[in-house]
Amino acid sequence: MSRAYYRPIVQCDVARPRQAITLAQGWGWFTHVEVLHRGAPPKIAEIDQIPPEALPPLRGRPAQFGERPHIMGILNATPDSFSDGGLHAAAQDAVSAGLAMAAAGADILDVGGESTRPGAETVAIDTEIRRIVPVVSGLRARGYDGVISLDTRKAEVARAGIAAGADLINDVSGFTYDPALAGVAAQAALPVCVMHGPLDPAIMQNDPRYDDVILDVYDFLEDRIAALEAQGIAREKIIADPGIGFGKTQEHNLQLLARLSLFHSLGVPILLGASRKRFIGTIGGAEGAADRAPGSIAVGLAGLAQGVQILRVHDVAETAQAIALWRACVAQ
C-alpha cells in the first residue's frame, strides 16, 4: 500500500463531541479524517484509527497566525497585475492604499513589484526594487507597525525590502527560483510563506498536468518545508500556500479547495490566495476581475470552514466584514 495522507474533516458546529480534537488550536474541530492514498479510493476513519504520529501536526498551534482568521491585503506596486495593475504603481498611491487596507482590517500587507499573472514576464531586479522599497519605507514612515510581506522570488529584492522594513517573505515559486532567497530569510530570522507555483508565470497555464494534484501539491510543500528547515528557517516561521491558480486548471483549483484541510498535516499555518482568480469569474459569471469580490469572499469563507488561517485578498473591508459575521454565526 502506498503512503497514507490524513485529511481532517473539519467542523465548526457549536455542538461538539467530547472526543473531538481542536484543529491547530483554532476554531475548527474534527472527529474523523479522510485517508488518502495514491491510486486508491479515499476512506473515512475515526481519529482513534489513525497512527498516533499523524495527530501532533493537526493539534499544534501554528505560530502567530492560528488563533483567529487573518487577512493579508494585496498591495501590487506594478503596472500589469491581473486585477489592479497600475492602481498603485506610484509609491504614494500604494502607501495610501496600504494604510486604508490596514484600517479596514488587514493584518498583513503583501507588497509586490512583479506581476505573477499568467503570461507575465520576469521583471529585472533593479526595477522590482525601485517599485517595492519606496512602498515599504513609506508605510513605515507613515507609522504602519503591522506585518509587511514581500511578494518576491529574488534574494536581492528581499534584502532591499528587509532593509526598508519588511518582515515576511512570500515566494510564489516555493523558494525554488532563487537558491539564495531562503538564506536571506534565515539570516534575518523572518517568517516565510512557501507556495506551490511554477518557476515561470509566463507559461504556467500551458496545459498543467498532475498525477494527483492534491497529493502532488502536498508533497511539494512538504519537501520545500524540509528544505527551508535545513537552511535554518524554523518550522514555526513557515506558512504554506497551495497556490490556487498557479499552474492549475479550474478543475485542479476546485479539487484543492475541496480538500484544503489536508495541508494542516504539514503542521504550519495555511494561506489561501484565491481572490479574484479567473475560475471565480468563470463559475460566478463575472468577466471583470474587479467584479469578483462576492465569489472571492465565498471561496474565502469555504477556506475558513476548513481551518485556513490566512486569506490573501484584494477586497479587505468586504472580507473583514464577512469574516466577522461568519465567526459570530458559526465559529463561536
C-alpha atoms as a PDB file:
ATOM      1  CA  MET A   1       0.000   0.000   0.000  1.00  0.00           C
ATOM      2  CA  SER A   2       1.246   3.499  -0.855  1.00  0.00           C
ATOM      3  CA  ARG A   3       1.767   6.212   1.729  1.00  0.00           C
ATOM      4  CA  ALA A   4      -1.322   7.328   3.645  1.00  0.00           C
ATOM      5  CA  TYR A   5      -2.250  11.015   3.906  1.00  0.00           C
ATOM      6  CA  TYR A   6      -4.649  12.181   6.618  1.00  0.00           C
ATOM      7  CA  ARG A   7      -7.107  14.992   5.968  1.00  0.00           C
ATOM      8  CA  PRO A   8      -9.100  16.184   8.988  1.00  0.00           C
ATOM      9  CA  ILE A   9     -12.796  16.540   8.213  1.00  0.00           C
ATOM     10  CA  VAL A  10     -13.255  19.922   9.820  1.00  0.00           C
ATOM     11  CA  GLN A  11     -16.396  21.064  11.573  1.00  0.00           C
ATOM     12  CA  CYS A  12     -17.239  24.362  13.244  1.00  0.00           C
ATOM     13  CA  ASP A  13     -20.551  23.408  14.783  1.00  0.00           C
ATOM     14  CA  VAL A  14     -21.385  24.607  18.303  1.00  0.00           C
ATOM     15  CA  ALA A  15     -22.410  21.047  19.245  1.00  0.00           C
ATOM     16  CA  ARG A  16     -19.063  19.308  19.701  1.00  0.00           C
ATOM     17  CA  PRO A  17     -18.472  15.678  20.788  1.00  0.00           C
ATOM     18  CA  ARG A  18     -16.210  15.138  23.782  1.00  0.00           C
ATOM     19  CA  GLN A  19     -13.690  13.134  21.760  1.00  0.00           C
ATOM     20  CA  ALA A  20     -13.275  15.860  19.136  1.00  0.00           C
ATOM     21  CA  ILE A  21      -9.809  17.297  18.563  1.00  0.00           C
ATOM     22  CA  THR A  22      -9.336  21.031  18.091  1.00  0.00           C
ATOM     23  CA  LEU A  23      -7.648  21.664  14.753  1.00  0.00           C
ATOM     24  CA  ALA A  24      -4.394  23.620  15.116  1.00  0.00           C
ATOM     25  CA  GLN A  25      -5.695  25.296  18.288  1.00  0.00           C
ATOM     26  CA  GLY A  26      -8.081  27.284  16.119  1.00  0.00           C
ATOM     27  CA  TRP A  27     -11.839  27.466  15.593  1.00  0.00           C
ATOM     28  CA  GLY A  28     -12.427  24.100  13.912  1.00  0.00           C
ATOM     29  CA  TRP A  29     -12.508  20.577  15.272  1.00  0.00           C
ATOM     30  CA  PHE A  30     -12.662  17.037  13.923  1.00  0.00           C
ATOM     31  CA  THR A  31     -13.581  13.511  14.952  1.00  0.00           C
ATOM     32  CA  HIS A  32     -12.825  11.802  11.625  1.00  0.00           C
ATOM     33  CA  VAL A  33     -10.223  12.000   8.900  1.00  0.00           C
ATOM     34  CA  GLU A  34     -10.228  11.174   5.231  1.00  0.00           C
ATOM     35  CA  VAL A  35      -7.409   8.770   4.460  1.00  0.00           C
ATOM     36  CA  LEU A  36      -5.924   9.333   1.006  1.00  0.00           C
ATOM     37  CA  HIS A  37      -3.653   7.024  -0.987  1.00  0.00           C
ATOM     38  CA  ARG A  38      -2.296   7.393  -4.487  1.00  0.00           C
ATOM     39  CA  GLY A  39      -4.235   5.250  -6.904  1.00  0.00           C
ATOM     40  CA  ALA A  40      -6.866   4.164  -4.373  1.00  0.00           C
ATOM     41  CA  PRO A  41     -10.286   5.438  -3.305  1.00  0.00           C
ATOM     42  CA  PRO A  42     -10.339   7.600  -0.161  1.00  0.00           C
ATOM     43  CA  LYS A  43     -11.598   6.139   3.098  1.00  0.00           C
ATOM     44  CA  ILE A  44     -13.081   7.675   6.240  1.00  0.00           C
ATOM     45  CA  ALA A  45     -11.559   6.777   9.607  1.00  0.00           C
ATOM     46  CA  GLU A  46     -12.212   7.808  13.192  1.00  0.00           C
ATOM     47  CA  ILE A  47      -9.361   9.592  14.935  1.00  0.00           C
ATOM     48  CA  ASP A  48      -8.559   6.558  17.088  1.00  0.00           C
ATOM     49  CA  GLN A  49      -7.986   4.508  13.917  1.00  0.00           C
ATOM     50  CA  ILE A  50      -5.070   6.546  12.596  1.00  0.00           C
ATOM     51  CA  PRO A  51      -1.411   6.338  13.659  1.00  0.00           C
ATOM     52  CA  PRO A  52      -0.618   8.457  16.737  1.00  0.00           C
ATOM     53  CA  GLU A  53       2.168  10.258  14.862  1.00  0.00           C
ATOM     54  CA  ALA A  54      -0.387  11.705  12.418  1.00  0.00           C
ATOM     55  CA  LEU A  55      -2.110  13.781  15.102  1.00  0.00           C
ATOM     56  CA  PRO A  56       0.552  16.185  16.505  1.00  0.00           C
ATOM     57  CA  PRO A  57       0.767  18.326  13.332  1.00  0.00           C
ATOM     58  CA  LEU A  58      -3.017  18.665  13.396  1.00  0.00           C
ATOM     59  CA  ARG A  59      -3.158  19.602  17.076  1.00  0.00           C
ATOM     60  CA  GLY A  60      -0.275  22.077  17.174  1.00  0.00           C
ATOM     61  CA  ARG A  61      -0.583  25.837  17.393  1.00  0.00           C
ATOM     62  CA  PRO A  62       0.640  27.262  14.067  1.00  0.00           C
ATOM     63  CA  ALA A  63       2.859  30.172  15.099  1.00  0.00           C
ATOM     64  CA  GLN A  64       1.278  33.626  15.373  1.00  0.00           C
ATOM     65  CA  PHE A  65      -1.472  33.095  12.813  1.00  0.00           C
ATOM     66  CA  GLY A  66      -3.536  30.324  14.354  1.00  0.00           C
ATOM     67  CA  GLU A  67      -5.867  31.755  16.962  1.00  0.00           C
ATOM     68  CA  ARG A  68      -8.183  33.606  14.524  1.00  0.00           C
ATOM     69  CA  PRO A  69      -8.517  34.182  10.777  1.00  0.00           C
ATOM     70  CA  HIS A  70      -6.034  36.712   9.415  1.00  0.00           C
ATOM     71  CA  ILE A  71      -6.294  38.898   6.327  1.00  0.00           C
ATOM     72  CA  MET A  72      -3.373  39.599   4.001  1.00  0.00           C
ATOM     73  CA  GLY A  73      -4.088  42.631   1.841  1.00  0.00           C
ATOM     74  CA  ILE A  74      -2.704  42.557  -1.707  1.00  0.00           C
ATOM     75  CA  LEU A  75      -0.689  45.682  -2.499  1.00  0.00           C
ATOM     76  CA  ASN A  76       0.661  45.450  -6.031  1.00  0.00           C
ATOM     77  CA  ALA A  77       3.119  48.219  -6.947  1.00  0.00           C
ATOM     78  CA  THR A  78       3.020  47.069 -10.566  1.00  0.00           C
ATOM     79  CA  PRO A  79       1.615  48.357 -13.840  1.00  0.00           C
ATOM     80  CA  ASP A  80       0.386  44.969 -15.064  1.00  0.00           C
ATOM     81  CA  SER A  81      -1.065  42.785 -12.287  1.00  0.00           C
ATOM     82  CA  PHE A  82      -4.153  40.940 -13.485  1.00  0.00           C
ATOM     83  CA  SER A  83      -6.694  42.716 -11.259  1.00  0.00           C
ATOM     84  CA  ASP A  84      -5.275  46.002 -10.009  1.00  0.00           C
ATOM     85  CA  GLY A  85      -2.272  46.650 -12.237  1.00  0.00           C
ATOM     86  CA  GLY A  86      -1.449  50.352 -12.369  1.00  0.00           C
ATOM     87  CA  LEU A  87      -3.716  51.410  -9.482  1.00  0.00           C
ATOM     88  CA  HIS A  88      -0.796  51.565  -7.052  1.00  0.00           C
ATOM     89  CA  ALA A  89       2.131  51.940  -9.430  1.00  0.00           C
ATOM     90  CA  ALA A  90       3.025  55.281  -7.847  1.00  0.00           C
ATOM     91  CA  ALA A  91       4.564  54.745  -4.412  1.00  0.00           C
ATOM     92  CA  GLN A  92       2.423  57.361  -2.684  1.00  0.00           C
ATOM     93  CA  ASP A  93      -0.725  55.731  -4.055  1.00  0.00           C
ATOM     94  CA  ALA A  94       0.418  52.310  -2.848  1.00  0.00           C
ATOM     95  CA  VAL A  95       1.220  53.647   0.621  1.00  0.00           C
ATOM     96  CA  SER A  96      -2.192  55.308   0.932  1.00  0.00           C
ATOM     97  CA  ALA A  97      -3.905  52.147  -0.296  1.00  0.00           C
ATOM     98  CA  GLY A  98      -1.948  50.034   2.199  1.00  0.00           C
ATOM     99  CA  LEU A  99      -2.882  52.255   5.109  1.00  0.00           C
ATOM    100  CA  ALA A 100      -6.515  52.072   4.036  1.00  0.00           C
ATOM    101  CA  MET A 101      -6.318  48.276   3.924  1.00  0.00           C
ATOM    102  CA  ALA A 102      -4.828  48.200   7.424  1.00  0.00           C
ATOM    103  CA  ALA A 103      -7.599  50.448   8.712  1.00  0.00           C
ATOM    104  CA  ALA A 104     -10.163  48.161   7.077  1.00  0.00           C
ATOM    105  CA  GLY A 105      -8.844  45.059   8.812  1.00  0.00           C
ATOM    106  CA  ALA A 106      -5.735  43.753   7.034  1.00  0.00           C
ATOM    107  CA  ASP A 107      -3.290  42.099   9.435  1.00  0.00           C
ATOM    108  CA  ILE A 108      -0.577  41.805   6.771  1.00  0.00           C
ATOM    109  CA  LEU A 109       0.221  43.944   3.737  1.00  0.00           C
ATOM    110  CA  ASP A 110       1.736  41.950   0.882  1.00  0.00           C
ATOM    111  CA  VAL A 111       3.804  44.294  -1.287  1.00  0.00           C
ATOM    112  CA  GLY A 112       4.718  43.062  -4.755  1.00  0.00           C
ATOM    113  CA  GLY A 113       6.735  44.623  -7.542  1.00  0.00           C
ATOM    114  CA  GLU A 114       6.490  41.826 -10.101  1.00  0.00           C
ATOM    115  CA  SER A 115       3.267  40.573 -11.615  1.00  0.00           C
ATOM    116  CA  THR A 116       2.846  36.795 -11.495  1.00  0.00           C
ATOM    117  CA  ARG A 117      -0.355  36.692 -13.521  1.00  0.00           C
ATOM    118  CA  PRO A 118      -0.495  34.060 -16.291  1.00  0.00           C
ATOM    119  CA  GLY A 119       1.731  35.205 -19.146  1.00  0.00           C
ATOM    120  CA  ALA A 120       3.671  37.773 -17.100  1.00  0.00           C
ATOM    121  CA  GLU A 121       7.333  38.294 -17.933  1.00  0.00           C
ATOM    122  CA  THR A 122      10.101  38.295 -15.318  1.00  0.00           C
ATOM    123  CA  VAL A 123      10.935  41.769 -14.002  1.00  0.00           C
ATOM    124  CA  ALA A 124      14.547  42.939 -13.645  1.00  0.00           C
ATOM    125  CA  ILE A 125      15.863  43.029 -10.074  1.00  0.00           C
ATOM    126  CA  ASP A 126      16.574  46.771 -10.045  1.00  0.00           C
ATOM    127  CA  THR A 127      13.104  47.523 -11.431  1.00  0.00           C
ATOM    128  CA  GLU A 128      11.434  45.408  -8.764  1.00  0.00           C
ATOM    129  CA  ILE A 129      13.488  47.078  -6.035  1.00  0.00           C
ATOM    130  CA  ARG A 130      12.549  50.546  -7.312  1.00  0.00           C
ATOM    131  CA  ARG A 131       8.902  49.549  -7.108  1.00  0.00           C
ATOM    132  CA  ILE A 132       8.762  47.997  -3.648  1.00  0.00           C
ATOM    133  CA  VAL A 133      11.289  49.859  -1.481  1.00  0.00           C
ATOM    134  CA  PRO A 134       9.512  53.246  -1.532  1.00  0.00           C
ATOM    135  CA  VAL A 135       6.256  51.494  -0.630  1.00  0.00           C
ATOM    136  CA  VAL A 136       7.701  49.567   2.315  1.00  0.00           C
ATOM    137  CA  SER A 137       9.677  52.536   3.649  1.00  0.00           C
ATOM    138  CA  GLY A 138       6.711  54.819   3.030  1.00  0.00           C
ATOM    139  CA  LEU A 139       4.398  52.614   5.071  1.00  0.00           C
ATOM    140  CA  ARG A 140       6.855  52.601   7.953  1.00  0.00           C
ATOM    141  CA  ALA A 141       7.362  56.359   7.679  1.00  0.00           C
ATOM    142  CA  ARG A 142       3.588  56.845   7.915  1.00  0.00           C
ATOM    143  CA  GLY A 143       3.513  54.879  11.169  1.00  0.00           C
ATOM    144  CA  TYR A 144       2.344  51.456   9.976  1.00  0.00           C
ATOM    145  CA  ASP A 145       3.668  48.920  12.508  1.00  0.00           C
ATOM    146  CA  GLY A 146       1.911  45.785  11.259  1.00  0.00           C
ATOM    147  CA  VAL A 147       3.377  42.948   9.215  1.00  0.00           C
ATOM    148  CA  ILE A 148       4.729  43.848   5.784  1.00  0.00           C
ATOM    149  CA  SER A 149       5.201  40.892   3.463  1.00  0.00           C
ATOM    150  CA  LEU A 150       7.392  40.989   0.359  1.00  0.00           C
ATOM    151  CA  ASP A 151       5.893  39.151  -2.588  1.00  0.00           C
ATOM    152  CA  THR A 152       9.155  38.320  -4.364  1.00  0.00           C
ATOM    153  CA  ARG A 153      11.180  35.426  -5.776  1.00  0.00           C
ATOM    154  CA  LYS A 154      14.544  37.186  -5.645  1.00  0.00           C
ATOM    155  CA  ALA A 155      17.155  37.411  -2.894  1.00  0.00           C
ATOM    156  CA  GLU A 156      18.420  40.884  -3.812  1.00  0.00           C
ATOM    157  CA  VAL A 157      14.892  42.271  -3.788  1.00  0.00           C
ATOM    158  CA  ALA A 158      14.301  40.660  -0.393  1.00  0.00           C
ATOM    159  CA  ARG A 159      17.476  42.216   1.036  1.00  0.00           C
ATOM    160  CA  ALA A 160      16.407  45.658  -0.122  1.00  0.00           C
ATOM    161  CA  GLY A 161      12.870  45.196   1.177  1.00  0.00           C
ATOM    162  CA  ILE A 162      14.036  43.936   4.560  1.00  0.00           C
ATOM    163  CA  ALA A 163      16.331  46.936   4.921  1.00  0.00           C
ATOM    164  CA  ALA A 164      13.315  49.155   4.195  1.00  0.00           C
ATOM    165  CA  GLY A 165      11.220  47.475   6.911  1.00  0.00           C
ATOM    166  CA  ALA A 166       9.613  44.302   5.556  1.00  0.00           C
ATOM    167  CA  ASP A 167       9.288  41.367   7.908  1.00  0.00           C
ATOM    168  CA  LEU A 168       7.915  38.382   5.933  1.00  0.00           C
ATOM    169  CA  ILE A 169       8.964  36.815   2.610  1.00  0.00           C
ATOM    170  CA  ASN A 170       6.228  35.391   0.353  1.00  0.00           C
ATOM    171  CA  ASP A 171       7.654  33.456  -2.602  1.00  0.00           C
ATOM    172  CA  VAL A 172       5.277  32.164  -5.268  1.00  0.00           C
ATOM    173  CA  SER A 173       7.939  29.743  -6.527  1.00  0.00           C
ATOM    174  CA  GLY A 174       8.257  27.976  -3.191  1.00  0.00           C
ATOM    175  CA  PHE A 175      11.857  29.220  -2.791  1.00  0.00           C
ATOM    176  CA  THR A 176      12.979  27.379  -5.916  1.00  0.00           C
ATOM    177  CA  TYR A 177      13.534  30.323  -8.296  1.00  0.00           C
ATOM    178  CA  ASP A 178      16.473  31.911  -6.452  1.00  0.00           C
ATOM    179  CA  PRO A 179      18.526  29.498  -4.300  1.00  0.00           C
ATOM    180  CA  ALA A 180      19.842  32.422  -2.212  1.00  0.00           C
ATOM    181  CA  LEU A 181      16.433  33.667  -1.074  1.00  0.00           C
ATOM    182  CA  ALA A 182      15.962  31.179   1.772  1.00  0.00           C
ATOM    183  CA  GLY A 183      19.334  32.148   3.204  1.00  0.00           C
ATOM    184  CA  VAL A 184      18.328  35.812   3.225  1.00  0.00           C
ATOM    185  CA  ALA A 185      15.171  34.991   5.182  1.00  0.00           C
ATOM    186  CA  ALA A 186      17.089  32.724   7.566  1.00  0.00           C
ATOM    187  CA  GLN A 187      19.767  35.334   8.241  1.00  0.00           C
ATOM    188  CA  ALA A 188      17.104  37.917   9.027  1.00  0.00           C
ATOM    189  CA  ALA A 189      15.113  35.384  11.102  1.00  0.00           C
ATOM    190  CA  LEU A 190      11.948  36.272   9.190  1.00  0.00           C
ATOM    191  CA  PRO A 191       8.854  34.157   8.675  1.00  0.00           C
ATOM    192  CA  VAL A 192       8.241  32.938   5.139  1.00  0.00           C
ATOM    193  CA  CYS A 193       5.344  31.760   3.011  1.00  0.00           C
ATOM    194  CA  VAL A 194       6.185  28.888   0.676  1.00  0.00           C
ATOM    195  CA  MET A 195       3.777  28.490  -2.231  1.00  0.00           C
ATOM    196  CA  HIS A 196       3.290  25.738  -4.766  1.00  0.00           C
ATOM    197  CA  GLY A 197       3.912  27.539  -8.023  1.00  0.00           C
ATOM    198  CA  PRO A 198       5.868  27.372 -11.240  1.00  0.00           C
ATOM    199  CA  LEU A 199       9.235  28.963 -11.936  1.00  0.00           C
ATOM    200  CA  ASP A 200       7.881  30.868 -14.924  1.00  0.00           C
ATOM    201  CA  PRO A 201       4.423  32.512 -14.767  1.00  0.00           C
ATOM    202  CA  ALA A 202       4.728  33.246 -18.496  1.00  0.00           C
ATOM    203  CA  ILE A 203       3.994  29.602 -19.329  1.00  0.00           C
ATOM    204  CA  MET A 204       2.392  28.262 -16.160  1.00  0.00           C
ATOM    205  CA  GLN A 205      -1.064  27.828 -17.693  1.00  0.00           C
ATOM    206  CA  ASN A 206       0.174  25.932 -20.748  1.00  0.00           C
ATOM    207  CA  ASP A 207      -1.583  22.598 -20.170  1.00  0.00           C
ATOM    208  CA  PRO A 208      -0.657  21.959 -16.495  1.00  0.00           C
ATOM    209  CA  ARG A 209      -0.874  18.281 -15.522  1.00  0.00           C
ATOM    210  CA  TYR A 210      -0.562  16.269 -12.295  1.00  0.00           C
ATOM    211  CA  ASP A 211      -0.671  12.625 -11.316  1.00  0.00           C
ATOM    212  CA  ASP A 212      -2.798  13.630  -8.316  1.00  0.00           C
ATOM    213  CA  VAL A 213      -2.999  17.397  -7.871  1.00  0.00           C
ATOM    214  CA  ILE A 214      -3.836  17.280  -4.155  1.00  0.00           C
ATOM    215  CA  LEU A 215      -1.069  14.876  -3.191  1.00  0.00           C
ATOM    216  CA  ASP A 216       1.442  16.308  -5.676  1.00  0.00           C
ATOM    217  CA  VAL A 217       0.997  19.785  -4.208  1.00  0.00           C
ATOM    218  CA  TYR A 218       1.187  18.371  -0.681  1.00  0.00           C
ATOM    219  CA  ASP A 219       4.423  16.507  -1.429  1.00  0.00           C
ATOM    220  CA  PHE A 220       5.975  19.611  -2.995  1.00  0.00           C
ATOM    221  CA  LEU A 221       5.158  21.741   0.054  1.00  0.00           C
ATOM    222  CA  GLU A 222       6.344  19.050   2.441  1.00  0.00           C
ATOM    223  CA  ASP A 223       9.659  18.806   0.601  1.00  0.00           C
ATOM    224  CA  ARG A 224      10.086  22.592   0.475  1.00  0.00           C
ATOM    225  CA  ILE A 225       9.344  22.967   4.187  1.00  0.00           C
ATOM    226  CA  ALA A 226      12.023  20.371   4.941  1.00  0.00           C
ATOM    227  CA  ALA A 227      14.457  22.214   2.647  1.00  0.00           C
ATOM    228  CA  LEU A 228      13.746  25.537   4.356  1.00  0.00           C
ATOM    229  CA  GLU A 229      14.272  23.977   7.782  1.00  0.00           C
ATOM    230  CA  ALA A 230      17.601  22.580   6.576  1.00  0.00           C
ATOM    231  CA  GLN A 231      18.605  26.128   5.602  1.00  0.00           C
ATOM    232  CA  GLY A 232      17.925  27.484   9.063  1.00  0.00           C
ATOM    233  CA  ILE A 233      14.273  28.595   8.926  1.00  0.00           C
ATOM    234  CA  ALA A 234      12.369  27.202  11.907  1.00  0.00           C
ATOM    235  CA  ARG A 235       9.127  25.396  11.125  1.00  0.00           C
ATOM    236  CA  GLU A 236       7.214  27.796  13.375  1.00  0.00           C
ATOM    237  CA  LYS A 237       8.203  30.578  10.961  1.00  0.00           C
ATOM    238  CA  ILE A 238       6.831  28.823   7.861  1.00  0.00           C
ATOM    239  CA  ILE A 239       3.432  29.309   6.195  1.00  0.00           C
ATOM    240  CA  ALA A 240       2.238  27.117   3.308  1.00  0.00           C
ATOM    241  CA  ASP A 241       0.125  28.131   0.299  1.00  0.00           C
ATOM    242  CA  PRO A 242      -1.227  25.526  -2.179  1.00  0.00           C
ATOM    243  CA  GLY A 243      -1.030  28.089  -4.994  1.00  0.00           C
ATOM    244  CA  ILE A 244      -4.588  28.302  -6.298  1.00  0.00           C
ATOM    245  CA  GLY A 245      -4.485  29.467  -9.915  1.00  0.00           C
ATOM    246  CA  PHE A 246      -0.749  28.980 -10.379  1.00  0.00           C
ATOM    247  CA  GLY A 247      -0.090  26.280 -12.971  1.00  0.00           C
ATOM    248  CA  LYS A 248      -3.528  24.781 -12.392  1.00  0.00           C
ATOM    249  CA  THR A 249      -6.730  24.368 -14.347  1.00  0.00           C
ATOM    250  CA  GLN A 250     -10.137  25.210 -12.945  1.00  0.00           C
ATOM    251  CA  GLU A 251     -10.652  21.544 -12.066  1.00  0.00           C
ATOM    252  CA  HIS A 252      -7.301  21.449 -10.257  1.00  0.00           C
ATOM    253  CA  ASN A 253      -8.296  24.527  -8.261  1.00  0.00           C
ATOM    254  CA  LEU A 254     -11.638  23.041  -7.279  1.00  0.00           C
ATOM    255  CA  GLN A 255     -10.080  19.748  -6.228  1.00  0.00           C
ATOM    256  CA  LEU A 256      -7.608  21.578  -3.995  1.00  0.00           C
ATOM    257  CA  LEU A 257     -10.312  23.775  -2.480  1.00  0.00           C
ATOM    258  CA  ALA A 258     -12.460  20.739  -1.682  1.00  0.00           C
ATOM    259  CA  ARG A 259      -9.662  19.162   0.362  1.00  0.00           C
ATOM    260  CA  LEU A 260      -7.729  22.162   1.689  1.00  0.00           C
ATOM    261  CA  SER A 261      -7.709  20.772   5.203  1.00  0.00           C
ATOM    262  CA  LEU A 262      -5.206  18.100   4.123  1.00  0.00           C
ATOM    263  CA  PHE A 263      -2.494  20.760   4.258  1.00  0.00           C
ATOM    264  CA  HIS A 264      -2.885  21.094   8.034  1.00  0.00           C
ATOM    265  CA  SER A 265      -0.959  17.821   8.222  1.00  0.00           C
ATOM    266  CA  LEU A 266       2.108  19.891   7.268  1.00  0.00           C
ATOM    267  CA  GLY A 267       1.961  21.374  10.761  1.00  0.00           C
ATOM    268  CA  VAL A 268       2.153  25.004   9.599  1.00  0.00           C
ATOM    269  CA  PRO A 269      -0.424  27.769   9.007  1.00  0.00           C
ATOM    270  CA  ILE A 270      -2.195  27.652   5.649  1.00  0.00           C
ATOM    271  CA  LEU A 271      -2.637  30.688   3.397  1.00  0.00           C
ATOM    272  CA  LEU A 272      -5.341  30.748   0.744  1.00  0.00           C
ATOM    273  CA  GLY A 273      -4.871  33.137  -2.164  1.00  0.00           C
ATOM    274  CA  ALA A 274      -7.883  32.767  -4.449  1.00  0.00           C
ATOM    275  CA  SER A 275      -9.001  36.389  -4.611  1.00  0.00           C
ATOM    276  CA  ARG A 276     -10.437  37.445  -7.989  1.00  0.00           C
ATOM    277  CA  LYS A 277      -8.914  34.440  -9.774  1.00  0.00           C
ATOM    278  CA  ARG A 278     -10.235  33.515 -13.209  1.00  0.00           C
ATOM    279  CA  PHE A 279     -12.157  30.424 -12.057  1.00  0.00           C
ATOM    280  CA  ILE A 280     -14.231  32.656  -9.768  1.00  0.00           C
ATOM    281  CA  GLY A 281     -15.223  34.754 -12.754  1.00  0.00           C
ATOM    282  CA  THR A 282     -15.949  31.696 -14.867  1.00  0.00           C
ATOM    283  CA  ILE A 283     -18.173  29.988 -12.318  1.00  0.00           C
ATOM    284  CA  GLY A 284     -19.690  33.185 -10.969  1.00  0.00           C
ATOM    285  CA  GLY A 285     -20.289  34.876 -14.282  1.00  0.00           C
ATOM    286  CA  ALA A 286     -18.042  37.871 -13.568  1.00  0.00           C
ATOM    287  CA  GLU A 287     -15.867  38.717 -16.542  1.00  0.00           C
ATOM    288  CA  GLY A 288     -14.109  41.663 -14.904  1.00  0.00           C
ATOM    289  CA  ALA A 289     -11.696  40.851 -12.088  1.00  0.00           C
ATOM    290  CA  ALA A 290     -12.947  43.790 -10.017  1.00  0.00           C
ATOM    291  CA  ASP A 291     -16.450  42.267 -10.085  1.00  0.00           C
ATOM    292  CA  ARG A 292     -15.372  39.054  -8.352  1.00  0.00           C
ATOM    293  CA  ALA A 293     -15.463  40.177  -4.710  1.00  0.00           C
ATOM    294  CA  PRO A 294     -18.603  38.171  -3.791  1.00  0.00           C
ATOM    295  CA  GLY A 295     -17.203  34.984  -5.289  1.00  0.00           C
ATOM    296  CA  SER A 296     -13.806  35.609  -3.716  1.00  0.00           C
ATOM    297  CA  ILE A 297     -15.397  36.023  -0.297  1.00  0.00           C
ATOM    298  CA  ALA A 298     -17.413  32.835  -0.771  1.00  0.00           C
ATOM    299  CA  VAL A 299     -14.231  30.893  -1.537  1.00  0.00           C
ATOM    300  CA  GLY A 300     -12.501  32.509   1.425  1.00  0.00           C
ATOM    301  CA  LEU A 301     -15.249  31.528   3.846  1.00  0.00           C
ATOM    302  CA  ALA A 302     -15.172  27.979   2.488  1.00  0.00           C
ATOM    303  CA  GLY A 303     -11.457  28.011   3.270  1.00  0.00           C
ATOM    304  CA  LEU A 304     -12.072  29.219   6.819  1.00  0.00           C
ATOM    305  CA  ALA A 305     -14.530  26.359   7.273  1.00  0.00           C
ATOM    306  CA  GLN A 306     -11.581  24.044   6.564  1.00  0.00           C
ATOM    307  CA  GLY A 307      -9.401  25.850   9.103  1.00  0.00           C
ATOM    308  CA  VAL A 308      -7.339  28.038   6.746  1.00  0.00           C
ATOM    309  CA  GLN A 309      -5.638  30.671   8.879  1.00  0.00           C
ATOM    310  CA  ILE A 310      -4.797  33.432   6.355  1.00  0.00           C
ATOM    311  CA  LEU A 311      -6.778  34.803   3.411  1.00  0.00           C
ATOM    312  CA  ARG A 312      -4.841  36.831   0.828  1.00  0.00           C
ATOM    313  CA  VAL A 313      -7.358  39.238  -0.694  1.00  0.00           C
ATOM    314  CA  HIS A 314      -7.896  42.371  -2.748  1.00  0.00           C
ATOM    315  CA  ASP A 315     -11.178  43.355  -1.085  1.00  0.00           C
ATOM    316  CA  VAL A 316     -10.106  43.813   2.517  1.00  0.00           C
ATOM    317  CA  ALA A 317     -13.058  45.689   4.018  1.00  0.00           C
ATOM    318  CA  GLU A 318     -15.634  43.358   2.474  1.00  0.00           C
ATOM    319  CA  THR A 319     -13.676  40.275   3.560  1.00  0.00           C
ATOM    320  CA  ALA A 320     -13.251  41.586   7.107  1.00  0.00           C
ATOM    321  CA  GLN A 321     -16.994  42.160   7.391  1.00  0.00           C
ATOM    322  CA  ALA A 322     -17.737  38.675   6.063  1.00  0.00           C
ATOM    323  CA  ILE A 323     -15.295  37.060   8.489  1.00  0.00           C
ATOM    324  CA  ALA A 324     -16.762  38.962  11.451  1.00  0.00           C
ATOM    325  CA  LEU A 325     -20.244  37.716  10.618  1.00  0.00           C
ATOM    326  CA  TRP A 326     -19.040  34.203   9.842  1.00  0.00           C
ATOM    327  CA  ARG A 327     -17.301  33.990  13.215  1.00  0.00           C
ATOM    328  CA  ALA A 328     -20.330  35.383  15.031  1.00  0.00           C
ATOM    329  CA  CYS A 329     -22.691  32.863  13.407  1.00  0.00           C
ATOM    330  CA  VAL A 330     -20.517  29.784  13.031  1.00  0.00           C
ATOM    331  CA  ALA A 331     -17.136  29.732  14.717  1.00  0.00           C
ATOM    332  CA  GLN A 332     -18.153  30.615  18.251  1.00  0.00           C
END
